[in-house]
Protein backbone atom coordinates (compact mmCIF):
# COMPACT_ATOMS: atom_id res chain seq x y z
CA MET A 1 7.86 -14.38 22.84
CA LYS A 2 7.37 -10.25 21.79
CA ASN A 3 7.95 -9.75 18.07
CA VAL A 4 9.74 -6.31 17.59
CA ALA A 5 9.75 -4.68 14.37
CA VAL A 6 13.36 -2.64 13.94
CA LEU A 7 12.59 -0.03 10.81
CA LEU A 8 16.55 0.53 9.38
CA ALA A 9 16.18 4.16 8.39
CA GLY A 10 19.77 5.95 8.84
CA GLY A 11 20.69 5.96 5.84
CA VAL A 12 21.63 9.47 4.05
CA GLY A 13 20.28 9.19 0.21
CA VAL A 14 23.79 10.21 -1.21
CA ARG A 15 23.29 7.74 -4.21
CA VAL A 16 19.66 9.49 -5.15
CA GLY A 17 21.59 13.10 -5.43
CA LEU A 18 19.21 14.54 -2.50
CA ASP A 19 20.09 17.55 0.12
CA VAL A 20 17.19 15.15 2.17
CA PRO A 21 17.33 11.69 3.63
CA LYS A 22 16.04 9.48 0.83
CA GLN A 23 13.80 8.06 2.93
CA LEU A 24 11.34 11.12 3.94
CA VAL A 25 10.63 11.59 -0.24
CA LYS A 26 7.75 11.68 -0.91
CA ILE A 27 6.25 8.51 -3.03
CA ALA A 28 2.88 7.76 -3.93
CA GLY A 29 1.19 10.45 -0.98
CA ARG A 30 3.81 9.78 1.90
CA PRO A 31 7.61 9.53 2.28
CA ILE A 32 9.63 6.44 1.55
CA MET A 33 9.58 5.22 5.54
CA GLU A 34 6.20 5.60 5.97
CA HIS A 35 4.79 3.58 3.83
CA THR A 36 7.60 0.95 5.50
CA LEU A 37 6.34 2.39 8.81
CA ALA A 38 2.61 1.75 7.75
CA ILE A 39 3.21 -1.95 6.95
CA LEU A 40 4.60 -2.82 9.75
CA ASP A 41 2.39 -1.25 12.40
CA ALA A 42 -0.84 -3.17 10.23
CA HIS A 43 0.57 -6.50 10.62
CA GLU A 44 -0.88 -8.44 13.42
CA ASP A 45 2.06 -10.53 14.22
CA VAL A 46 4.24 -6.33 15.42
CA ASP A 47 3.54 -6.31 19.00
CA GLU A 48 6.41 -3.29 19.08
CA ILE A 49 8.14 -0.47 16.41
CA LEU A 50 11.75 1.00 16.99
CA VAL A 51 13.18 3.73 14.30
CA LEU A 52 16.16 4.34 13.79
CA MET A 53 16.62 7.56 12.72
CA THR A 54 19.39 9.16 10.41
CA PRO A 55 20.50 12.50 13.19
CA GLY A 56 18.85 15.75 12.53
CA HIS A 57 15.75 14.10 11.30
CA LEU A 58 13.79 12.37 14.21
CA ASP A 59 11.42 15.57 14.82
CA ALA A 60 10.01 14.11 11.19
CA VAL A 61 9.66 10.64 11.40
CA HIS A 62 8.18 11.99 15.69
CA ALA A 63 5.37 14.34 13.48
CA MET A 64 4.61 11.04 11.40
CA VAL A 65 4.10 8.78 14.38
CA ARG A 66 1.89 11.34 15.46
CA THR A 67 -0.15 12.03 12.53
CA GLY A 68 -0.19 8.37 11.29
CA GLY A 69 -1.54 7.08 14.30
CA TYR A 70 1.40 4.44 14.54
CA GLU A 71 0.58 3.95 17.88
CA LYS A 72 2.84 0.55 17.95
CA VAL A 73 6.08 2.43 17.88
CA THR A 74 8.04 2.67 21.10
CA GLN A 75 11.09 4.17 21.08
CA ILE A 76 12.48 6.88 17.76
CA LEU A 77 16.38 6.87 17.92
CA GLU A 78 19.41 8.44 16.52
CA GLY A 79 21.15 5.46 13.50
CA ALA A 80 24.66 5.15 13.98
CA GLU A 81 27.54 5.87 10.92
CA THR A 82 27.31 2.49 9.67
CA ARG A 83 24.60 -0.57 8.97
CA ASN A 84 25.99 -2.22 12.06
CA ASP A 85 26.69 0.29 14.37
CA THR A 86 22.83 0.98 13.78
CA THR A 87 21.95 -2.68 14.56
CA ARG A 88 24.05 -2.56 17.88
CA ARG A 89 22.45 0.49 18.96
CA ALA A 90 18.84 -1.04 18.21
CA LEU A 91 19.78 -4.20 20.20
CA GLU A 92 20.59 -1.95 23.12
CA ALA A 93 16.87 -0.65 23.21
CA LEU A 94 15.79 -4.20 22.79
CA GLY A 95 16.82 -4.42 26.98
CA GLU A 96 17.55 -7.75 28.23
CA GLU A 97 14.30 -9.79 28.21
CA ASP A 98 14.62 -12.21 24.04
CA CYS A 99 12.37 -11.97 21.43
CA HIS A 100 11.87 -11.99 17.86
CA VAL A 101 13.37 -8.86 16.10
CA LEU A 102 13.17 -8.23 12.94
CA LEU A 103 15.28 -5.58 11.20
CA HIS A 104 14.09 -4.08 7.70
CA ASP A 105 14.95 -1.57 5.81
CA ALA A 106 13.23 2.48 5.36
CA VAL A 107 13.42 1.98 2.04
CA ARG A 108 11.53 -1.15 0.62
CA PRO A 109 8.17 -0.01 1.20
CA LEU A 110 6.66 -2.19 -0.94
CA LEU A 111 7.25 -5.54 1.49
CA SER A 112 4.76 -7.73 1.46
CA PRO A 113 3.02 -8.77 4.70
CA ARG A 114 3.22 -12.43 3.49
CA ILE A 115 6.82 -12.07 3.70
CA ILE A 116 6.71 -10.62 7.53
CA THR A 117 4.44 -13.85 8.86
CA ASP A 118 7.11 -16.24 6.94
CA CYS A 119 10.05 -14.53 8.61
CA PHE A 120 7.76 -14.69 12.58
CA GLU A 121 6.99 -18.19 11.66
CA ALA A 122 10.43 -19.76 10.91
CA LEU A 123 11.73 -18.09 13.57
CA GLN A 124 9.80 -20.69 15.90
CA THR A 125 11.92 -23.12 14.41
CA TYR A 126 15.46 -21.20 13.92
CA GLY A 127 17.54 -18.60 15.29
CA ALA A 128 18.26 -16.28 12.32
CA VAL A 129 16.34 -15.58 8.80
CA ASP A 130 17.11 -14.55 5.58
CA VAL A 131 14.63 -13.41 3.30
CA ALA A 132 16.47 -13.75 -0.42
CA ILE A 133 14.99 -14.76 -4.19
CA PRO A 134 16.48 -16.22 -6.83
CA SER A 135 18.84 -14.68 -9.00
CA ALA A 136 17.91 -14.35 -12.48
CA ASP A 137 21.23 -12.77 -13.41
CA THR A 138 24.28 -15.28 -14.41
CA ILE A 139 26.73 -13.17 -11.57
CA ILE A 140 30.41 -12.70 -11.87
CA GLU A 141 32.92 -12.49 -9.60
CA VAL A 142 36.19 -10.25 -10.64
CA GLY A 143 39.45 -9.93 -9.70
CA PRO A 144 42.09 -6.51 -9.16
CA ASP A 145 43.19 -6.91 -12.62
CA ASN A 146 39.05 -6.59 -13.30
CA THR A 147 39.01 -9.89 -15.45
CA ILE A 148 36.49 -13.08 -13.96
CA ARG A 149 37.91 -15.20 -12.01
CA ASP A 150 35.08 -16.70 -11.06
CA ILE A 151 31.05 -17.78 -12.34
CA PRO A 152 29.15 -19.26 -9.51
CA PRO A 153 26.08 -21.81 -10.66
CA ARG A 154 23.34 -19.60 -10.63
CA ALA A 155 21.14 -22.30 -9.82
CA ALA A 156 22.15 -22.23 -5.69
CA LEU A 157 22.54 -17.85 -5.84
CA ARG A 158 20.36 -15.82 -4.16
CA ARG A 159 19.62 -11.88 -3.51
CA GLY A 160 19.45 -10.68 0.18
CA GLN A 161 16.83 -8.56 0.67
CA THR A 162 15.65 -7.45 3.57
CA PRO A 163 13.79 -8.25 6.11
CA GLN A 164 16.14 -10.43 8.26
CA ALA A 165 14.96 -11.73 12.04
CA PHE A 166 16.49 -13.50 15.02
CA ARG A 167 16.30 -14.29 17.89
CA ALA A 168 17.40 -10.83 20.17
CA SER A 169 19.64 -12.99 21.92
CA VAL A 170 21.22 -14.96 18.35
CA LEU A 171 21.86 -11.17 17.32
CA LYS A 172 23.22 -10.04 20.63
CA ALA A 173 25.46 -13.04 21.12
CA ALA A 174 26.93 -12.49 17.16
CA TYR A 175 27.36 -9.09 17.66
CA ALA A 176 29.22 -9.85 20.70
CA GLN A 177 31.94 -11.89 18.95
CA ALA A 178 32.33 -9.73 15.91
CA GLU A 179 33.48 -6.53 18.91
CA LEU A 180 36.58 -9.09 19.45
CA ASP A 181 37.46 -9.45 15.97
CA PRO A 182 39.62 -5.76 14.73
CA ALA A 183 38.91 -7.13 11.13
CA PHE A 184 35.11 -7.39 11.12
CA GLU A 185 33.69 -6.43 8.62
CA ALA A 186 29.82 -6.62 7.24
CA THR A 187 27.12 -5.62 4.92
CA ASP A 188 24.25 -6.86 7.13
CA ASP A 189 23.00 -9.03 9.93
CA CYS A 190 22.98 -12.44 9.00
CA THR A 191 26.45 -11.84 7.82
CA VAL A 192 27.66 -11.68 11.17
CA VAL A 193 25.05 -14.82 13.04
CA LEU A 194 26.85 -16.74 9.60
CA ARG A 195 30.96 -15.53 10.80
CA TYR A 196 30.29 -15.35 14.79
CA ARG A 197 27.38 -17.70 15.28
CA PRO A 198 28.08 -20.54 12.55
CA ASP A 199 26.68 -22.84 15.30
CA VAL A 200 22.95 -21.18 14.22
CA PRO A 201 21.40 -22.17 10.92
CA ILE A 202 20.12 -19.08 9.24
CA TRP A 203 16.71 -20.28 7.55
CA VAL A 204 15.77 -18.42 3.99
CA VAL A 205 11.95 -17.18 3.57
CA PRO A 206 11.20 -16.42 -0.22
CA GLY A 207 10.81 -12.52 -1.09
CA ASP A 208 9.63 -10.88 -3.40
CA GLU A 209 10.35 -8.47 -6.86
CA ARG A 210 8.77 -6.27 -5.91
CA ASN A 211 10.55 -5.76 -2.57
CA MET A 212 12.60 -3.73 -4.13
CA LYS A 213 15.25 -0.75 -2.43
CA VAL A 214 15.70 2.39 -2.92
CA THR A 215 18.72 3.12 -3.72
CA GLU A 216 19.67 5.32 -7.38
CA PRO A 217 17.82 8.01 -8.93
CA ILE A 218 15.73 5.47 -11.07
CA ASP A 219 14.67 3.84 -7.99
CA LEU A 220 12.45 6.29 -6.79
CA TYR A 221 10.59 6.63 -10.09
CA LEU A 222 10.12 2.59 -10.41
CA ALA A 223 9.04 2.38 -6.84
CA ASP A 224 6.39 5.04 -7.32
CA LYS A 225 5.17 3.14 -10.20
CA LEU A 226 5.26 0.04 -8.64
CA PHE A 227 2.41 1.53 -5.81
CA GLN A 228 0.50 2.24 -8.77
CA LEU A 229 0.80 -1.96 -9.88
CA THR A 230 0.58 -3.12 -6.56
CA GLN A 231 -1.47 -6.05 -6.51
CA SER A 232 -3.78 -6.78 -3.30
CA ASP A 233 -5.60 -10.07 -2.96
CA LEU A 234 -9.36 -9.68 -2.05
CA PRO A 235 -9.01 -9.55 2.37
CA PRO A 236 -9.84 -12.35 4.46
CA THR A 237 -13.76 -11.96 5.58
CA ARG A 238 -14.03 -9.98 8.88
CA GLU A 239 -16.84 -11.53 11.46
CA PRO A 240 -19.93 -8.95 11.60
CA GLU A 241 -19.64 -7.76 14.63
CA ALA A 242 -16.31 -6.44 13.53
CA TYR A 243 -17.23 -4.55 11.03
CA ARG A 244 -20.38 -3.52 13.27
CA GLU A 245 -18.03 -2.56 15.93
CA VAL A 246 -16.38 0.34 13.54
CA LEU A 247 -19.07 0.93 10.91
CA THR A 248 -21.90 1.44 13.74
CA GLY A 249 -23.05 5.19 14.35
CA LYS A 250 -21.02 6.27 11.53
CA VAL A 251 -22.53 8.06 8.41
CA MET A 252 -21.96 6.82 4.60
CA VAL A 253 -22.15 8.57 2.04
CA VAL A 254 -22.44 6.81 -1.28
CA PHE A 255 -22.59 8.14 -5.00
CA GLY A 256 -23.92 6.19 -7.74
CA GLY A 257 -25.43 3.76 -5.29
CA SER A 258 -28.03 2.24 -6.93
CA TYR A 259 -27.15 -0.15 -8.43
CA GLY A 260 -23.50 -2.43 -8.78
CA ILE A 261 -20.91 -1.78 -6.63
CA GLY A 262 -22.20 1.14 -4.62
CA ALA A 263 -25.61 -0.08 -4.22
CA ASP A 264 -23.57 -3.02 -2.65
CA ILE A 265 -21.64 -0.62 -0.75
CA ALA A 266 -24.41 0.93 0.86
CA ARG A 267 -26.67 -2.36 1.40
CA LEU A 268 -22.88 -4.02 3.74
CA GLY A 269 -22.99 -0.68 5.40
CA GLU A 270 -26.26 -0.45 6.89
CA GLU A 271 -25.95 -4.01 7.39
CA TYR A 272 -23.09 -3.58 9.27
CA GLY A 273 -24.79 -0.86 11.63
CA ALA A 274 -23.51 2.39 9.31
CA THR A 275 -25.87 5.26 8.34
CA VAL A 276 -25.73 5.10 4.48
CA VAL A 277 -27.73 7.91 2.10
CA THR A 278 -27.37 6.86 -1.57
CA PHE A 279 -27.24 9.19 -4.71
CA SER A 280 -27.55 8.51 -7.98
CA ARG A 281 -28.77 10.21 -11.13
CA SER A 282 -31.81 7.46 -11.19
CA THR A 283 -33.40 7.73 -8.42
CA THR A 284 -32.26 11.25 -7.03
CA GLY A 285 -31.30 13.39 -9.86
CA THR A 286 -28.16 13.61 -8.88
CA HIS A 287 -25.32 14.62 -11.83
CA VAL A 288 -21.24 14.10 -9.45
CA GLN A 289 -20.66 16.02 -11.98
CA ARG A 290 -22.63 19.10 -11.03
CA ARG A 291 -21.28 21.57 -8.32
CA GLU A 292 -24.50 22.23 -6.83
CA ASP A 293 -25.73 18.77 -6.98
CA ILE A 294 -23.35 17.55 -4.85
CA ALA A 295 -23.12 20.55 -2.37
CA LYS A 296 -26.93 19.83 -1.86
CA ALA A 297 -26.95 16.30 -1.10
CA ALA A 298 -23.81 16.90 1.48
CA ALA A 299 -26.14 19.82 3.21
CA GLU A 300 -29.05 17.42 3.09
CA VAL A 301 -27.23 14.58 4.77
CA VAL A 302 -25.48 17.05 7.74
CA ALA A 303 -28.41 18.21 7.63
CA ALA A 304 -30.30 14.39 8.59
CA HIS A 305 -27.42 12.92 10.33
CA GLY A 306 -25.00 15.91 11.55
CA ARG A 307 -21.62 14.09 10.12
CA VAL A 308 -19.79 12.49 7.65
CA ASP A 309 -17.84 9.69 7.72
CA TYR A 310 -17.26 7.77 4.77
CA VAL A 311 -17.97 9.02 1.56
CA VAL A 312 -17.40 6.47 -1.94
CA ASN A 313 -17.92 7.74 -5.23
CA THR A 314 -18.76 4.60 -7.57
CA ALA A 315 -20.38 6.41 -10.64
CA GLY A 316 -19.41 6.56 -13.89
CA VAL A 317 -19.76 6.05 -17.46
CA LEU A 318 -17.53 3.73 -19.94
CA PRO A 319 -17.79 4.97 -23.37
CA ARG A 320 -16.16 3.36 -26.01
CA GLY A 321 -14.86 3.96 -29.68
CA ALA A 322 -12.48 5.97 -31.69
CA LEU A 323 -11.60 9.13 -30.41
CA LEU A 324 -11.87 10.43 -34.17
CA ASP A 325 -15.86 9.05 -33.92
CA CYS A 326 -15.96 10.82 -30.20
CA THR A 327 -18.64 13.70 -30.39
CA ASP A 328 -18.04 16.94 -28.13
CA GLU A 329 -21.03 15.62 -25.94
CA THR A 330 -19.20 11.74 -25.33
CA ILE A 331 -16.05 13.77 -24.37
CA TRP A 332 -17.10 16.29 -21.43
CA ALA A 333 -19.77 13.69 -20.23
CA ALA A 334 -17.34 11.04 -20.41
CA THR A 335 -14.52 13.53 -18.64
CA GLU A 336 -16.67 15.33 -16.21
CA ILE A 337 -17.94 11.84 -15.15
CA ASN A 338 -15.08 10.37 -15.15
CA TYR A 339 -12.94 12.74 -13.25
CA ILE A 340 -14.77 16.05 -12.81
CA ALA A 341 -16.93 14.38 -10.35
CA PRO A 342 -14.22 12.82 -7.85
CA ILE A 343 -12.70 16.64 -7.85
CA LEU A 344 -15.97 18.20 -6.96
CA ILE A 345 -16.90 15.29 -4.59
CA ALA A 346 -13.42 15.53 -2.76
CA GLN A 347 -13.64 19.71 -2.58
CA VAL A 348 -17.36 20.11 -0.98
CA PHE A 349 -16.90 17.07 1.59
CA HIS A 350 -12.66 17.38 2.90
CA PRO A 351 -14.43 19.94 5.16
CA HIS A 352 -16.82 17.32 6.96
CA LEU A 353 -14.49 14.89 6.68
CA LYS A 354 -12.25 16.92 8.51
CA GLU A 355 -14.73 17.36 10.86
CA THR A 356 -14.56 13.55 11.45
CA ARG A 357 -11.31 12.35 10.21
CA GLY A 358 -13.37 10.22 7.85
CA SER A 359 -12.39 8.34 5.01
CA LEU A 360 -12.69 9.13 0.97
CA LEU A 361 -12.75 6.56 -1.68
CA LEU A 362 -12.88 6.87 -5.58
CA PHE A 363 -12.77 4.39 -8.17
CA THR A 364 -10.38 3.18 -10.91
CA SER A 365 -9.79 0.43 -13.35
CA SER A 366 -6.93 -1.47 -14.77
CA SER A 367 -7.17 0.65 -18.33
CA TYR A 368 -5.70 3.87 -16.36
CA THR A 369 -2.01 1.86 -16.33
CA ARG A 370 -1.80 2.44 -19.80
CA GLY A 371 -3.51 3.78 -22.73
CA ARG A 372 -5.79 1.19 -24.73
CA SER A 373 -7.41 1.68 -28.53
CA GLY A 374 -11.11 2.41 -28.11
CA TYR A 375 -10.91 3.51 -24.54
CA SER A 376 -8.83 6.58 -24.47
CA LEU A 377 -11.24 9.09 -22.44
CA TYR A 378 -12.00 5.73 -19.93
CA SER A 379 -8.47 5.19 -19.60
CA SER A 380 -7.39 8.99 -19.75
CA ALA A 381 -9.52 9.73 -16.66
CA LYS A 382 -8.71 6.31 -14.15
CA ALA A 383 -5.24 7.28 -14.78
CA ALA A 384 -5.74 10.70 -13.60
CA THR A 385 -7.83 9.14 -10.38
CA VAL A 386 -4.91 7.13 -9.33
CA ASN A 387 -2.54 10.73 -9.36
CA LEU A 388 -5.71 12.37 -7.75
CA THR A 389 -6.29 10.10 -5.10
CA GLN A 390 -2.03 10.06 -4.10
CA ALA A 391 -2.16 13.44 -4.17
CA LEU A 392 -5.29 14.26 -1.70
CA ALA A 393 -3.83 11.67 0.27
CA ASP A 394 -0.60 14.00 0.52
CA GLU A 395 -2.68 16.98 0.71
CA TRP A 396 -5.12 15.54 3.37
CA ALA A 397 -2.75 13.73 5.95
CA ALA A 398 -2.86 16.76 7.97
CA ASP A 399 -6.01 17.43 8.39
CA HIS A 400 -6.19 13.36 8.86
CA VAL A 401 -8.58 12.77 6.03
CA ARG A 402 -7.82 9.26 4.42
CA VAL A 403 -7.98 8.90 0.17
CA ASN A 404 -8.00 5.68 -1.18
CA CYS A 405 -9.07 4.02 -4.96
CA ILE A 406 -10.08 0.67 -5.33
CA ASN A 407 -9.18 -1.08 -8.52
CA PRO A 408 -11.09 -4.41 -8.98
CA GLU A 409 -10.76 -6.58 -11.96
CA ARG A 410 -13.33 -7.12 -14.59
CA THR A 411 -16.33 -7.13 -12.24
CA GLY A 412 -19.66 -8.84 -13.03
CA THR A 413 -22.03 -5.34 -12.79
CA PRO A 414 -24.91 -3.75 -15.30
CA MET A 415 -22.72 -1.33 -16.91
CA ARG A 416 -20.45 -3.53 -17.50
CA THR A 417 -22.97 -5.80 -19.18
CA LYS A 418 -24.41 -3.02 -21.35
CA ALA A 419 -21.08 -2.77 -22.84
CA PHE A 420 -19.74 -6.05 -22.71
CA GLY A 421 -22.57 -8.52 -22.99
CA GLU A 422 -23.10 -11.44 -21.35
CA GLU A 423 -19.97 -13.38 -19.61
CA PRO A 424 -19.05 -16.18 -17.94
CA ALA A 425 -19.82 -15.27 -14.10
CA ASP A 426 -16.79 -17.58 -13.55
CA SER A 427 -14.92 -15.22 -15.01
CA LEU A 428 -15.99 -12.54 -13.60
CA LEU A 429 -15.56 -10.71 -9.60
CA GLU A 430 -18.81 -11.13 -7.80
CA SER A 431 -19.35 -6.76 -7.10
CA VAL A 432 -20.16 -8.25 -3.13
CA ALA A 433 -16.43 -9.50 -3.05
CA VAL A 434 -15.55 -5.54 -3.94
CA ALA A 435 -18.44 -4.02 -1.74
CA ARG A 436 -16.55 -5.47 1.22
CA ALA A 437 -13.12 -4.74 0.24
CA SER A 438 -14.30 -1.29 0.13
CA LEU A 439 -15.66 -1.28 3.19
CA ASP A 440 -12.11 -2.82 4.48
CA THR A 441 -10.42 -0.04 3.18
CA LEU A 442 -12.79 2.72 4.17
CA ILE A 443 -12.60 1.31 7.67
CA ALA A 444 -8.59 0.95 7.72
CA GLY A 445 -5.67 3.47 8.95
CA GLY A 446 -4.21 3.43 5.26
CA THR A 447 -4.02 6.20 2.71
CA GLY A 448 -2.84 6.65 -0.80
CA HIS A 449 -3.41 3.25 -1.49
CA LEU A 450 -5.05 1.81 -4.62
CA ILE A 451 -5.93 -1.88 -3.64
CA ASP A 452 -5.54 -3.96 -7.11
CA LEU A 453 -8.63 -6.26 -6.27
CA ARG A 454 -7.59 -9.57 -8.35
CA ARG A 455 -9.27 -13.64 -8.22
CA ALA A 456 -6.70 -15.09 -9.78
CA ASP A 457 -3.20 -14.85 -11.72
CA PRO A 458 -2.28 -11.42 -12.83
CA ILE A 459 -0.77 -12.97 -15.45
CA ALA A 460 -3.32 -14.74 -16.59
CA LEU A 461 -5.63 -11.91 -16.93
CA ALA A 462 -3.06 -10.17 -18.11
CA MET A 463 -3.07 -12.97 -21.44
CA GLN A 464 -6.67 -12.19 -21.76
CA GLU A 465 -7.63 -10.55 -24.89
CA THR A 466 -10.68 -9.12 -23.50
CA ALA A 467 -9.01 -8.30 -20.01
CA TYR A 468 -10.40 -4.94 -20.04
CA ASP A 469 -11.92 -3.47 -16.40
CA ASP A 470 -14.64 -2.56 -15.14
CA GLU A 471 -15.37 -0.88 -12.16
CA ALA A 472 -18.46 0.52 -10.89
């Protein structure tokens, strides 16, 4: 049975206080709804996508789909005045053939692919599926006089989210019955099934606290910050042929490619068919903080190979110590290598990446999330790199140039060993694992993403006193 995702983007953003629909507000480099659309489009279980958009704004969605290359989108329709009428419109567009339909709010841009998978799997057994999380707060019921009428037991309560998923025939039948009820009122689609198809059990899939809905003004801020903190587990290893199919004939440039993650990226790229050219201070005399060196590198690659498809910058330095003890030389070197260099690389290589619709990959560190004593230069530069990534993803979207950033946990590299000494190997992420995830990010279709690589529970990692990351 076909799996169809319906992106519900019919809201107008009144509570957010904007003059454009909230789903078109940009966070982390892209409109909110494009983040959501990209998740649905990339999911292997989704066969087709319908978008229901606020009337008067369909052109923005058509441009988004065209520019982003979201090939699974088959229809872009106007939403209705109410959520339920919008769902009815989507059901009509599905046609007569039964299918699995997953409905999701466009303004929940932090949807986990795991939830999508769980919903479609549950539909193999159940006709209706909801997504919910336990309530951490006590829920009270108040009466018309604003006094507490009841306090339900919290253990049985859940906070509903989307997506909600159904066999289309079940949801259509429920709405057909609802139309006969003059007192019909519902805030979501599971309520319609619960009231008008009580014979159909509704399975509950565990949701996620991050799967928040952007409703109030503060939600825009929180969602933007959550994008910066979003974690992605290491992706499953692809078959070698899957890499070769994409990378053969492509040209990759790696700065900082003499050792560590950069060297592993270069080695894997070559192994899977790419032409890889590496530059570093130790092997080619390339100083990434000098524009003339970056320009020379670009000219050499284009002259030799005629194109540039991927650019990776892993070059970096890790100065440690109190800011008051830092010399001018240390301050300039740390700032130029860790922050100015990515800017110069971006400027110089943009024309080449635009020509090939290529991809730029930068690296940050967990130090960017907050300034830490002894890491002021490093932390601030890494925070700037994250913001640079998101800004460039936005600026270059029309040029079809993707810009992403990798944030590995503590990784076993020569640079880390130099800074921290020998550490237990099983406490560090392997450099080759980061390199493989870097290739996955380079060849994927997303942009403006911060890929947070973890090999263990991030909460447990955060409790380790010395959990100061180094990636390059």
